[in-house]
Amino acid sequence: MLGLDAMLVLFQVKSRMMGDSTYKSTLDCFIKTLKSEGFLAFYKGFFPNFVRLGTWNVIMFLIFEQAKNYFRGDA
C-alpha cells in the first residue's frame, strides 16, 4: 500500500508540472502543492478511480470464477 501511495503522489506532481509551467522542479511542485492545498491534494481523483477499478475487478473475478466452475463441470 505504501508503494501505491508514493505513486499517487508522484503522478499528481507530474500531472501538475505538465499542466503548469510555474514550477521550477519536482520538489518545488511538491512543496508548493503541500503548502497551498495540503496533503490531501495529492489524492485528488483517487476515489472515482478506485470505484471504477474496484467495480471492474469484482465483475472480472466473478465472471472468472463462474467460467472456471463451468469448464470444470462444477456448475
Protein backbone atom coordinates (compact mmCIF):
# COMPACT_ATOMS: atom_id res chain seq x y z
CA MET A 1 0.00 0.00 0.00
CA LEU A 2 2.90 2.34 0.68
CA GLY A 3 4.14 1.92 -2.88
CA LEU A 4 0.73 2.83 -4.26
CA ASP A 5 0.62 5.94 -2.08
CA ALA A 6 4.03 7.04 -3.32
CA MET A 7 2.99 6.51 -6.92
CA LEU A 8 -0.21 8.51 -6.46
CA VAL A 9 1.75 11.44 -5.04
CA LEU A 10 4.31 11.29 -7.86
CA PHE A 11 1.60 11.03 -10.50
CA GLN A 12 -0.22 14.05 -9.08
CA VAL A 13 3.02 16.09 -9.05
CA LYS A 14 3.81 15.01 -12.61
CA SER A 15 0.33 15.99 -13.78
CA ARG A 16 0.60 19.39 -12.13
CA MET A 17 4.01 20.05 -13.66
CA MET A 18 2.77 19.14 -17.13
CA GLY A 19 -0.20 21.49 -16.85
CA ASP A 20 1.54 24.46 -15.25
CA SER A 21 4.96 25.90 -16.09
CA THR A 22 5.31 27.95 -12.88
CA TYR A 23 7.13 25.14 -11.06
CA LYS A 24 10.92 25.07 -11.17
CA SER A 25 11.35 21.41 -10.27
CA THR A 26 9.54 18.37 -8.98
CA LEU A 27 10.43 19.23 -5.40
CA ASP A 28 9.23 22.80 -5.91
CA CYS A 29 5.89 21.50 -7.20
CA PHE A 30 5.57 19.12 -4.26
CA ILE A 31 6.32 21.80 -1.66
CA LYS A 32 4.06 24.46 -3.23
CA THR A 33 1.18 22.00 -3.52
CA LEU A 34 1.66 20.82 0.05
CA LYS A 35 1.74 24.38 1.41
CA SER A 36 -1.14 25.77 -0.63
CA GLU A 37 -3.60 22.84 -0.73
CA GLY A 38 -2.50 20.42 1.96
CA PHE A 39 -1.57 16.76 1.89
CA LEU A 40 -4.94 15.55 0.54
CA ALA A 41 -4.33 17.47 -2.70
CA PHE A 42 -2.09 14.61 -3.77
CA TYR A 43 -5.06 12.23 -3.67
CA LYS A 44 -7.44 14.20 -5.89
CA GLY A 45 -9.29 11.82 -8.16
CA PHE A 46 -8.39 8.75 -6.12
CA PHE A 47 -11.93 7.79 -5.09
CA PRO A 48 -13.53 7.85 -8.59
CA ASN A 49 -10.62 5.87 -9.98
CA PHE A 50 -10.81 3.40 -7.11
CA VAL A 51 -14.55 2.90 -7.67
CA ARG A 52 -14.03 2.36 -11.40
CA LEU A 53 -11.20 -0.13 -10.98
CA GLY A 54 -12.77 -1.83 -7.96
CA THR A 55 -16.03 -2.43 -9.82
CA TRP A 56 -14.17 -3.78 -12.84
CA ASN A 57 -12.12 -6.17 -10.67
CA VAL A 58 -15.18 -7.51 -8.84
CA ILE A 59 -17.01 -8.20 -12.10
CA MET A 60 -13.94 -9.75 -13.71
CA PHE A 61 -13.29 -12.13 -10.81
CA LEU A 62 -16.96 -13.13 -10.56
CA ILE A 63 -17.03 -13.96 -14.26
CA PHE A 64 -13.69 -15.76 -13.99
CA GLU A 65 -14.93 -17.93 -11.09
CA GLN A 66 -18.17 -18.77 -12.90
CA ALA A 67 -16.30 -19.65 -16.11
CA LYS A 68 -13.82 -21.78 -14.16
CA ASN A 69 -16.64 -23.69 -12.48
CA TYR A 70 -18.47 -24.11 -15.79
CA PHE A 71 -15.47 -25.53 -17.64
CA ARG A 72 -14.53 -27.82 -14.76
CA GLY A 73 -18.05 -29.19 -14.71
CA ASP A 74 -18.85 -27.95 -11.19
CA ALA A 75 -21.78 -25.82 -12.35
